[in-house]
Amino acid sequence: MLDFGYYTGWRRREVSELTWAEVDFGGGVVLLDPERSKSKNARLLPLSLPLREVIDRRAALRHPALPWVFHKDGVSVGDWRKTWNRACRLAGFPEKRFHDLRRTVARNLVRSGVPERVAMALLGHKTRSVFDRYNIVSEADLKQAAGRLAYYVSAQSPLVPVTAK
């Protein structure tokens, strides 16, 4: 579930309640049922290579009588906050929440060059203001922007220097 969340930014319940009926192996996509989406809108998720590997691993563990992609020994995942909190504590990240992956994915999409409107659609954000809360600008982003600006300006044709008055 962590891998799936890391590559999708889906909400906890959207991942934990994912069913095989929503997975289209032939089309290479997952179609989130609108009834399970917070916004009540269906979302199309193309299966990138890492996501396809997650789905393939889960398919190998598929229980024929169960609809869920993610289960533990044939039981639906349900509320797993205690397990998540324990795992985060053991990994040295005691304050992390599964929902933090949404912010990670938003940032990763934008920084990899995906247009923000497309990132919003993948994450299910309806408004720009909500997306902006997830796409946080860091100090590293600012440094990178300053470096890009300096490179861009240095590559331009020489201009007449402006003198201060």
N, C-alpha and C. Protein backbone atom coordinates (compact mmCIF):
# COMPACT_ATOMS: atom_id res chain seq x y z
N MET A 1 0.82 -1.19 0.00
CA MET A 1 0.00 0.00 0.00
C MET A 1 0.87 1.26 0.00
N LEU A 2 1.98 1.19 0.69
CA LEU A 2 2.88 2.34 0.73
C LEU A 2 3.40 2.66 -0.67
N ASP A 3 3.84 1.64 -1.39
CA ASP A 3 4.34 1.86 -2.75
C ASP A 3 3.26 2.45 -3.64
N PHE A 4 2.06 1.92 -3.55
CA PHE A 4 0.96 2.42 -4.37
C PHE A 4 0.68 3.88 -4.02
N GLY A 5 0.62 4.19 -2.73
CA GLY A 5 0.39 5.57 -2.30
C GLY A 5 1.50 6.50 -2.72
N TYR A 6 2.75 6.02 -2.69
CA TYR A 6 3.90 6.85 -3.05
C TYR A 6 3.88 7.25 -4.52
N TYR A 7 3.37 6.39 -5.38
CA TYR A 7 3.34 6.68 -6.81
C TYR A 7 2.02 7.28 -7.28
N THR A 8 1.01 7.33 -6.41
CA THR A 8 -0.28 7.85 -6.85
C THR A 8 -0.74 9.09 -6.08
N GLY A 9 -0.40 9.17 -4.80
CA GLY A 9 -0.92 10.27 -3.98
C GLY A 9 -2.38 10.07 -3.62
N TRP A 10 -2.88 8.87 -3.81
CA TRP A 10 -4.28 8.61 -3.47
C TRP A 10 -4.47 8.64 -1.97
N ARG A 11 -5.69 8.94 -1.57
CA ARG A 11 -6.03 8.95 -0.15
C ARG A 11 -6.00 7.53 0.39
N ARG A 12 -5.82 7.43 1.72
CA ARG A 12 -5.69 6.14 2.39
C ARG A 12 -6.81 5.17 2.02
N ARG A 13 -8.03 5.62 2.13
CA ARG A 13 -9.17 4.72 1.83
C ARG A 13 -9.27 4.41 0.34
N GLU A 14 -8.86 5.33 -0.51
CA GLU A 14 -8.87 5.05 -1.94
C GLU A 14 -7.93 3.89 -2.27
N VAL A 15 -6.84 3.81 -1.52
CA VAL A 15 -5.88 2.72 -1.72
C VAL A 15 -6.37 1.45 -1.03
N SER A 16 -6.71 1.55 0.24
CA SER A 16 -7.05 0.35 1.01
C SER A 16 -8.31 -0.34 0.49
N GLU A 17 -9.21 0.40 -0.15
CA GLU A 17 -10.45 -0.19 -0.65
C GLU A 17 -10.43 -0.44 -2.16
N LEU A 18 -9.25 -0.32 -2.78
CA LEU A 18 -9.13 -0.57 -4.22
C LEU A 18 -9.55 -2.00 -4.53
N THR A 19 -10.39 -2.16 -5.56
CA THR A 19 -10.86 -3.49 -5.94
C THR A 19 -10.30 -3.89 -7.30
N TRP A 20 -10.30 -5.19 -7.53
CA TRP A 20 -9.81 -5.71 -8.81
C TRP A 20 -10.70 -5.26 -9.95
N ALA A 21 -11.96 -4.97 -9.68
CA ALA A 21 -12.88 -4.49 -10.73
C ALA A 21 -12.44 -3.13 -11.27
N GLU A 22 -11.67 -2.38 -10.48
CA GLU A 22 -11.20 -1.07 -10.90
C GLU A 22 -9.88 -1.14 -11.67
N VAL A 23 -9.26 -2.30 -11.70
CA VAL A 23 -7.97 -2.48 -12.38
C VAL A 23 -8.21 -3.06 -13.77
N ASP A 24 -7.75 -2.34 -14.78
CA ASP A 24 -7.86 -2.80 -16.18
C ASP A 24 -6.46 -3.18 -16.65
N PHE A 25 -6.13 -4.46 -16.53
CA PHE A 25 -4.79 -4.92 -16.92
C PHE A 25 -4.53 -4.66 -18.39
N GLY A 26 -5.52 -4.98 -19.25
CA GLY A 26 -5.35 -4.81 -20.69
C GLY A 26 -5.12 -3.37 -21.09
N GLY A 27 -5.87 -2.46 -20.47
CA GLY A 27 -5.73 -1.04 -20.77
C GLY A 27 -4.59 -0.38 -20.03
N GLY A 28 -4.04 -1.08 -19.03
CA GLY A 28 -2.94 -0.53 -18.26
C GLY A 28 -3.34 0.66 -17.40
N VAL A 29 -4.57 0.62 -16.88
CA VAL A 29 -5.06 1.73 -16.07
C VAL A 29 -5.84 1.22 -14.87
N VAL A 30 -6.02 2.10 -13.91
CA VAL A 30 -6.93 1.89 -12.79
C VAL A 30 -7.96 3.01 -12.90
N LEU A 31 -9.22 2.65 -12.80
CA LEU A 31 -10.28 3.66 -12.83
C LEU A 31 -10.93 3.69 -11.46
N LEU A 32 -10.65 4.76 -10.71
CA LEU A 32 -11.22 4.90 -9.38
C LEU A 32 -12.72 5.14 -9.49
N ASP A 33 -13.48 4.30 -8.85
CA ASP A 33 -14.94 4.41 -8.85
C ASP A 33 -15.34 5.75 -8.23
N PRO A 34 -16.21 6.51 -8.88
CA PRO A 34 -16.58 7.82 -8.34
C PRO A 34 -17.22 7.74 -6.95
N GLU A 35 -17.84 6.63 -6.63
CA GLU A 35 -18.45 6.49 -5.30
C GLU A 35 -17.39 6.38 -4.20
N ARG A 36 -16.17 6.02 -4.56
CA ARG A 36 -15.10 5.90 -3.57
C ARG A 36 -14.21 7.13 -3.54
N SER A 37 -14.43 8.05 -4.44
CA SER A 37 -13.63 9.27 -4.51
C SER A 37 -14.24 10.34 -3.61
N LYS A 38 -13.40 11.07 -2.91
CA LYS A 38 -13.89 12.15 -2.04
C LYS A 38 -14.70 13.17 -2.82
N SER A 39 -14.26 13.45 -4.05
CA SER A 39 -14.94 14.45 -4.88
C SER A 39 -16.12 13.86 -5.65
N LYS A 40 -16.30 12.55 -5.55
CA LYS A 40 -17.36 11.83 -6.27
C LYS A 40 -17.14 11.87 -7.78
N ASN A 41 -15.90 12.08 -8.19
CA ASN A 41 -15.53 12.03 -9.61
C ASN A 41 -14.62 10.83 -9.83
N ALA A 42 -14.86 10.12 -10.93
CA ALA A 42 -13.97 9.02 -11.29
C ALA A 42 -12.61 9.60 -11.66
N ARG A 43 -11.55 8.83 -11.40
CA ARG A 43 -10.21 9.26 -11.78
C ARG A 43 -9.53 8.13 -12.53
N LEU A 44 -8.88 8.48 -13.62
CA LEU A 44 -8.14 7.52 -14.41
C LEU A 44 -6.67 7.59 -14.01
N LEU A 45 -6.10 6.44 -13.69
CA LEU A 45 -4.71 6.36 -13.28
C LEU A 45 -3.97 5.41 -14.22
N PRO A 46 -3.17 5.95 -15.14
CA PRO A 46 -2.35 5.07 -15.98
C PRO A 46 -1.32 4.35 -15.11
N LEU A 47 -1.08 3.08 -15.41
CA LEU A 47 -0.14 2.30 -14.62
C LEU A 47 1.28 2.47 -15.16
N SER A 48 2.06 3.29 -14.47
CA SER A 48 3.48 3.43 -14.79
C SER A 48 4.15 2.09 -14.45
N LEU A 49 5.38 1.92 -14.85
CA LEU A 49 6.10 0.67 -14.56
C LEU A 49 6.11 0.34 -13.07
N PRO A 50 6.46 1.29 -12.18
CA PRO A 50 6.46 0.94 -10.75
C PRO A 50 5.06 0.57 -10.25
N LEU A 51 4.03 1.24 -10.74
CA LEU A 51 2.67 0.90 -10.31
C LEU A 51 2.26 -0.46 -10.85
N ARG A 52 2.65 -0.75 -12.07
CA ARG A 52 2.33 -2.06 -12.65
C ARG A 52 3.00 -3.16 -11.83
N GLU A 53 4.22 -2.92 -11.36
CA GLU A 53 4.91 -3.89 -10.52
C GLU A 53 4.17 -4.11 -9.20
N VAL A 54 3.63 -3.04 -8.61
CA VAL A 54 2.85 -3.16 -7.38
C VAL A 54 1.62 -4.02 -7.65
N ILE A 55 0.90 -3.71 -8.72
CA ILE A 55 -0.31 -4.46 -9.05
C ILE A 55 0.02 -5.92 -9.36
N ASP A 56 1.11 -6.16 -10.06
CA ASP A 56 1.52 -7.54 -10.36
C ASP A 56 1.84 -8.31 -9.08
N ARG A 57 2.53 -7.65 -8.13
CA ARG A 57 2.83 -8.31 -6.84
C ARG A 57 1.54 -8.66 -6.11
N ARG A 58 0.58 -7.74 -6.15
CA ARG A 58 -0.69 -8.00 -5.48
C ARG A 58 -1.48 -9.08 -6.20
N ALA A 59 -1.39 -9.12 -7.52
CA ALA A 59 -2.10 -10.15 -8.29
C ALA A 59 -1.57 -11.54 -7.94
N ALA A 60 -0.28 -11.63 -7.65
CA ALA A 60 0.30 -12.92 -7.27
C ALA A 60 -0.26 -13.40 -5.94
N LEU A 61 -0.74 -12.47 -5.12
CA LEU A 61 -1.31 -12.81 -3.80
C LEU A 61 -2.84 -12.76 -3.81
N ARG A 62 -3.39 -12.64 -5.00
CA ARG A 62 -4.84 -12.45 -5.13
C ARG A 62 -5.62 -13.64 -4.57
N HIS A 63 -6.60 -13.31 -3.76
CA HIS A 63 -7.50 -14.31 -3.18
C HIS A 63 -8.76 -14.32 -4.05
N PRO A 64 -9.09 -15.43 -4.68
CA PRO A 64 -10.18 -15.45 -5.66
C PRO A 64 -11.54 -15.01 -5.12
N ALA A 65 -11.77 -15.15 -3.84
CA ALA A 65 -13.07 -14.78 -3.28
C ALA A 65 -13.12 -13.33 -2.80
N LEU A 66 -12.00 -12.62 -2.87
CA LEU A 66 -11.96 -11.25 -2.35
C LEU A 66 -11.90 -10.22 -3.47
N PRO A 67 -12.61 -9.11 -3.31
CA PRO A 67 -12.58 -8.07 -4.33
C PRO A 67 -11.39 -7.12 -4.20
N TRP A 68 -10.74 -7.07 -3.02
CA TRP A 68 -9.73 -6.06 -2.74
C TRP A 68 -8.36 -6.41 -3.31
N VAL A 69 -7.69 -5.38 -3.78
CA VAL A 69 -6.31 -5.53 -4.23
C VAL A 69 -5.41 -5.69 -3.02
N PHE A 70 -5.64 -4.90 -1.99
CA PHE A 70 -4.83 -4.94 -0.78
C PHE A 70 -5.61 -5.60 0.35
N HIS A 71 -5.06 -6.67 0.87
CA HIS A 71 -5.66 -7.38 2.01
C HIS A 71 -4.53 -8.04 2.78
N LYS A 72 -4.83 -8.47 3.98
CA LYS A 72 -3.84 -9.18 4.78
C LYS A 72 -4.42 -10.54 5.14
N ASP A 73 -3.85 -11.55 4.55
CA ASP A 73 -4.29 -12.93 4.80
C ASP A 73 -5.80 -13.09 4.58
N GLY A 74 -6.31 -12.48 3.53
CA GLY A 74 -7.71 -12.64 3.18
C GLY A 74 -8.67 -11.72 3.89
N VAL A 75 -8.16 -10.81 4.70
CA VAL A 75 -9.01 -9.87 5.44
C VAL A 75 -8.75 -8.48 4.90
N SER A 76 -9.83 -7.69 4.70
CA SER A 76 -9.65 -6.33 4.20
C SER A 76 -8.79 -5.55 5.18
N VAL A 77 -8.09 -4.57 4.65
CA VAL A 77 -7.12 -3.83 5.46
C VAL A 77 -7.79 -3.04 6.57
N GLY A 78 -8.89 -2.37 6.29
CA GLY A 78 -9.60 -1.63 7.33
C GLY A 78 -8.77 -0.50 7.91
N ASP A 79 -8.94 -0.25 9.20
CA ASP A 79 -8.22 0.84 9.87
C ASP A 79 -6.84 0.33 10.29
N TRP A 80 -5.82 0.90 9.71
CA TRP A 80 -4.46 0.42 9.96
C TRP A 80 -3.55 1.52 10.49
N ARG A 81 -4.15 2.50 11.15
CA ARG A 81 -3.35 3.61 11.69
C ARG A 81 -2.32 3.16 12.72
N LYS A 82 -2.68 2.20 13.58
CA LYS A 82 -1.72 1.72 14.58
C LYS A 82 -0.50 1.10 13.90
N THR A 83 -0.76 0.28 12.90
CA THR A 83 0.33 -0.37 12.16
C THR A 83 1.19 0.67 11.46
N TRP A 84 0.54 1.66 10.84
CA TRP A 84 1.27 2.73 10.15
C TRP A 84 2.14 3.50 11.14
N ASN A 85 1.54 3.90 12.26
CA ASN A 85 2.28 4.69 13.26
C ASN A 85 3.48 3.92 13.80
N ARG A 86 3.30 2.62 14.06
CA ARG A 86 4.39 1.80 14.55
C ARG A 86 5.51 1.70 13.51
N ALA A 87 5.14 1.48 12.27
CA ALA A 87 6.14 1.37 11.19
C ALA A 87 6.90 2.69 11.04
N CYS A 88 6.20 3.80 11.09
CA CYS A 88 6.86 5.11 10.97
C CYS A 88 7.80 5.36 12.13
N ARG A 89 7.37 5.01 13.32
CA ARG A 89 8.22 5.18 14.51
C ARG A 89 9.49 4.34 14.37
N LEU A 90 9.34 3.09 13.94
CA LEU A 90 10.51 2.21 13.77
C LEU A 90 11.44 2.69 12.66
N ALA A 91 10.88 3.35 11.66
CA ALA A 91 11.69 3.87 10.55
C ALA A 91 12.33 5.22 10.88
N GLY A 92 11.98 5.78 12.04
CA GLY A 92 12.56 7.07 12.44
C GLY A 92 11.78 8.27 11.96
N PHE A 93 10.52 8.06 11.55
CA PHE A 93 9.66 9.15 11.09
C PHE A 93 8.35 9.11 11.86
N PRO A 94 8.38 9.37 13.16
CA PRO A 94 7.20 9.16 13.99
C PRO A 94 6.01 10.07 13.69
N GLU A 95 6.23 11.17 13.05
CA GLU A 95 5.14 12.13 12.81
C GLU A 95 4.51 12.01 11.43
N LYS A 96 4.96 11.08 10.62
CA LYS A 96 4.45 10.97 9.24
C LYS A 96 3.08 10.33 9.21
N ARG A 97 2.28 10.78 8.25
CA ARG A 97 0.95 10.21 8.01
C ARG A 97 0.89 9.75 6.57
N PHE A 98 0.04 8.78 6.29
CA PHE A 98 -0.11 8.29 4.93
C PHE A 98 -0.51 9.44 4.01
N HIS A 99 -1.30 10.35 4.53
CA HIS A 99 -1.76 11.49 3.73
C HIS A 99 -0.61 12.39 3.27
N ASP A 100 0.52 12.34 3.98
CA ASP A 100 1.69 13.12 3.57
C ASP A 100 2.18 12.71 2.19
N LEU A 101 1.88 11.49 1.78
CA LEU A 101 2.28 11.04 0.44
C LEU A 101 1.62 11.88 -0.65
N ARG A 102 0.44 12.43 -0.39
CA ARG A 102 -0.23 13.29 -1.38
C ARG A 102 0.64 14.52 -1.68
N ARG A 103 1.23 15.08 -0.63
CA ARG A 103 2.11 16.24 -0.82
C ARG A 103 3.37 15.82 -1.58
N THR A 104 3.92 14.69 -1.22
CA THR A 104 5.11 14.19 -1.90
C THR A 104 4.85 14.00 -3.39
N VAL A 105 3.73 13.38 -3.71
CA VAL A 105 3.40 13.12 -5.11
C VAL A 105 3.15 14.43 -5.85
N ALA A 106 2.45 15.37 -5.23
CA ALA A 106 2.20 16.67 -5.88
C ALA A 106 3.53 17.34 -6.22
N ARG A 107 4.44 17.36 -5.27
CA ARG A 107 5.75 17.99 -5.50
C ARG A 107 6.53 17.23 -6.56
N ASN A 108 6.54 15.90 -6.48
CA ASN A 108 7.29 15.11 -7.45
C ASN A 108 6.74 15.28 -8.87
N LEU A 109 5.43 15.35 -9.00
CA LEU A 109 4.84 15.54 -10.33
C LEU A 109 5.28 16.87 -10.93
N VAL A 110 5.15 17.93 -10.16
CA VAL A 110 5.50 19.26 -10.67
C VAL A 110 7.00 19.34 -10.97
N ARG A 111 7.83 18.84 -10.06
CA ARG A 111 9.27 18.93 -10.27
C ARG A 111 9.76 18.03 -11.40
N SER A 112 8.97 17.03 -11.77
CA SER A 112 9.37 16.18 -12.90
C SER A 112 8.89 16.75 -14.23
N GLY A 113 8.21 17.90 -14.18
CA GLY A 113 7.79 18.56 -15.41
C GLY A 113 6.35 18.31 -15.82
N VAL A 114 5.59 17.60 -15.02
CA VAL A 114 4.19 17.36 -15.34
C VAL A 114 3.43 18.68 -15.16
N PRO A 115 2.62 19.07 -16.16
CA PRO A 115 1.84 20.31 -16.00
C PRO A 115 0.95 20.23 -14.74
N GLU A 116 0.85 21.35 -14.06
CA GLU A 116 0.12 21.37 -12.79
C GLU A 116 -1.32 20.93 -12.96
N ARG A 117 -1.96 21.29 -14.06
CA ARG A 117 -3.35 20.88 -14.27
C ARG A 117 -3.47 19.36 -14.37
N VAL A 118 -2.49 18.72 -14.99
CA VAL A 118 -2.48 17.26 -15.09
C VAL A 118 -2.24 16.65 -13.71
N ALA A 119 -1.32 17.22 -12.94
CA ALA A 119 -1.05 16.75 -11.58
C ALA A 119 -2.32 16.85 -10.74
N MET A 120 -3.05 17.95 -10.88
CA MET A 120 -4.29 18.12 -10.15
C MET A 120 -5.29 17.01 -10.50
N ALA A 121 -5.38 16.67 -11.77
CA ALA A 121 -6.31 15.63 -12.21
C ALA A 121 -5.91 14.27 -11.64
N LEU A 122 -4.62 13.97 -11.64
CA LEU A 122 -4.17 12.69 -11.10
C LEU A 122 -4.46 12.57 -9.61
N LEU A 123 -4.30 13.67 -8.89
CA LEU A 123 -4.50 13.67 -7.44
C LEU A 123 -5.96 13.88 -7.03
N GLY A 124 -6.78 14.31 -7.98
CA GLY A 124 -8.18 14.55 -7.66
C GLY A 124 -8.45 15.89 -7.00
N HIS A 125 -7.56 16.85 -7.22
CA HIS A 125 -7.78 18.20 -6.68
C HIS A 125 -8.66 18.98 -7.65
N LYS A 126 -9.75 19.51 -7.13
CA LYS A 126 -10.67 20.26 -7.97
C LYS A 126 -10.27 21.72 -8.12
N THR A 127 -9.65 22.28 -7.08
CA THR A 127 -9.34 23.70 -7.11
C THR A 127 -7.84 23.95 -7.01
N ARG A 128 -7.43 25.04 -7.58
CA ARG A 128 -6.04 25.43 -7.57
C ARG A 128 -5.55 25.69 -6.15
N SER A 129 -6.40 26.29 -5.32
CA SER A 129 -5.98 26.62 -3.96
C SER A 129 -5.66 25.37 -3.15
N VAL A 130 -6.42 24.31 -3.34
CA VAL A 130 -6.12 23.05 -2.63
C VAL A 130 -4.81 22.48 -3.14
N PHE A 131 -4.62 22.47 -4.45
CA PHE A 131 -3.38 21.94 -5.02
C PHE A 131 -2.18 22.73 -4.51
N ASP A 132 -2.31 24.04 -4.43
CA ASP A 132 -1.20 24.87 -3.96
C ASP A 132 -0.80 24.54 -2.52
N ARG A 133 -1.75 24.09 -1.71
CA ARG A 133 -1.42 23.69 -0.33
C ARG A 133 -0.55 22.45 -0.30
N TYR A 134 -0.66 21.62 -1.32
CA TYR A 134 0.14 20.39 -1.39
C TYR A 134 1.47 20.62 -2.08
N ASN A 135 1.50 21.51 -3.05
CA ASN A 135 2.71 21.78 -3.83
C ASN A 135 3.52 22.87 -3.13
N ILE A 136 4.15 22.51 -2.04
CA ILE A 136 4.86 23.47 -1.20
C ILE A 136 6.23 23.80 -1.80
N VAL A 137 6.56 25.08 -1.78
CA VAL A 137 7.85 25.54 -2.29
C VAL A 137 8.85 25.46 -1.14
N SER A 138 9.97 24.81 -1.42
CA SER A 138 11.02 24.65 -0.40
C SER A 138 12.18 25.59 -0.70
N GLU A 139 13.10 25.65 0.24
CA GLU A 139 14.31 26.46 0.03
C GLU A 139 15.11 25.92 -1.15
N ALA A 140 15.15 24.60 -1.29
CA ALA A 140 15.86 23.99 -2.42
C ALA A 140 15.22 24.41 -3.75
N ASP A 141 13.89 24.52 -3.78
CA ASP A 141 13.21 24.97 -5.00
C ASP A 141 13.63 26.39 -5.35
N LEU A 142 13.70 27.24 -4.33
CA LEU A 142 14.08 28.63 -4.55
C LEU A 142 15.52 28.73 -5.06
N LYS A 143 16.43 27.94 -4.48
CA LYS A 143 17.82 27.93 -4.94
C LYS A 143 17.91 27.46 -6.38
N GLN A 144 17.15 26.42 -6.70
CA GLN A 144 17.16 25.90 -8.08
C GLN A 144 16.64 26.96 -9.05
N ALA A 145 15.58 27.67 -8.66
CA ALA A 145 15.02 28.72 -9.52
C ALA A 145 16.04 29.84 -9.73
N ALA A 146 16.73 30.23 -8.67
CA ALA A 146 17.74 31.29 -8.80
C ALA A 146 18.86 30.84 -9.74
N GLY A 147 19.27 29.59 -9.62
CA GLY A 147 20.32 29.07 -10.50
C GLY A 147 19.87 29.02 -11.95
N ARG A 148 18.63 28.61 -12.17
CA ARG A 148 18.10 28.57 -13.54
C ARG A 148 18.01 29.96 -14.15
N LEU A 149 17.57 30.91 -13.32
CA LEU A 149 17.49 32.29 -13.79
C LEU A 149 18.88 32.80 -14.18
N ALA A 150 19.87 32.55 -13.33
CA ALA A 150 21.23 33.00 -13.62
C ALA A 150 21.74 32.37 -14.92
N TYR A 151 21.49 31.09 -15.11
CA TYR A 151 21.91 30.40 -16.33
C TYR A 151 21.21 31.00 -17.55
N TYR A 152 19.91 31.23 -17.43
CA TYR A 152 19.14 31.79 -18.54
C TYR A 152 19.67 33.17 -18.92
N VAL A 153 19.86 34.01 -17.93
CA VAL A 153 20.33 35.37 -18.19
C VAL A 153 21.72 35.35 -18.80
N SER A 154 22.60 34.48 -18.32
CA SER A 154 23.97 34.43 -18.85
C SER A 154 23.98 33.95 -20.30
N ALA A 155 22.97 33.19 -20.70
CA ALA A 155 22.92 32.67 -22.07
C ALA A 155 22.33 33.68 -23.06
N GLN A 156 21.76 34.76 -22.56
CA GLN A 156 21.17 35.78 -23.42
C GLN A 156 22.27 36.63 -24.06
N SER A 157 21.91 37.30 -25.15
CA SER A 157 22.90 38.17 -25.79
C SER A 157 23.25 39.30 -24.83
N PRO A 158 24.49 39.76 -24.91
CA PRO A 158 24.92 40.81 -23.97
C PRO A 158 24.07 42.07 -24.13
N LEU A 159 23.72 42.64 -23.02
CA LEU A 159 22.94 43.86 -23.00
C LEU A 159 23.81 45.01 -22.52
N VAL A 160 23.39 46.19 -22.80
CA VAL A 160 24.11 47.35 -22.31
C VAL A 160 23.87 47.42 -20.80
N PRO A 161 24.92 47.49 -20.01
CA PRO A 161 24.74 47.51 -18.55
C PRO A 161 23.92 48.72 -18.12
N VAL A 162 23.09 48.51 -17.14
CA VAL A 162 22.31 49.59 -16.56
C VAL A 162 23.10 50.15 -15.40
N THR A 163 23.27 51.45 -15.40
CA THR A 163 24.01 52.06 -14.30
C THR A 163 23.04 52.66 -13.32
N ALA A 164 23.38 52.59 -12.08
CA ALA A 164 22.53 53.15 -11.03
C ALA A 164 22.67 54.65 -11.04
N LYS A 165 21.57 55.31 -10.78
CA LYS A 165 21.60 56.77 -10.74
C LYS A 165 21.71 57.28 -9.35
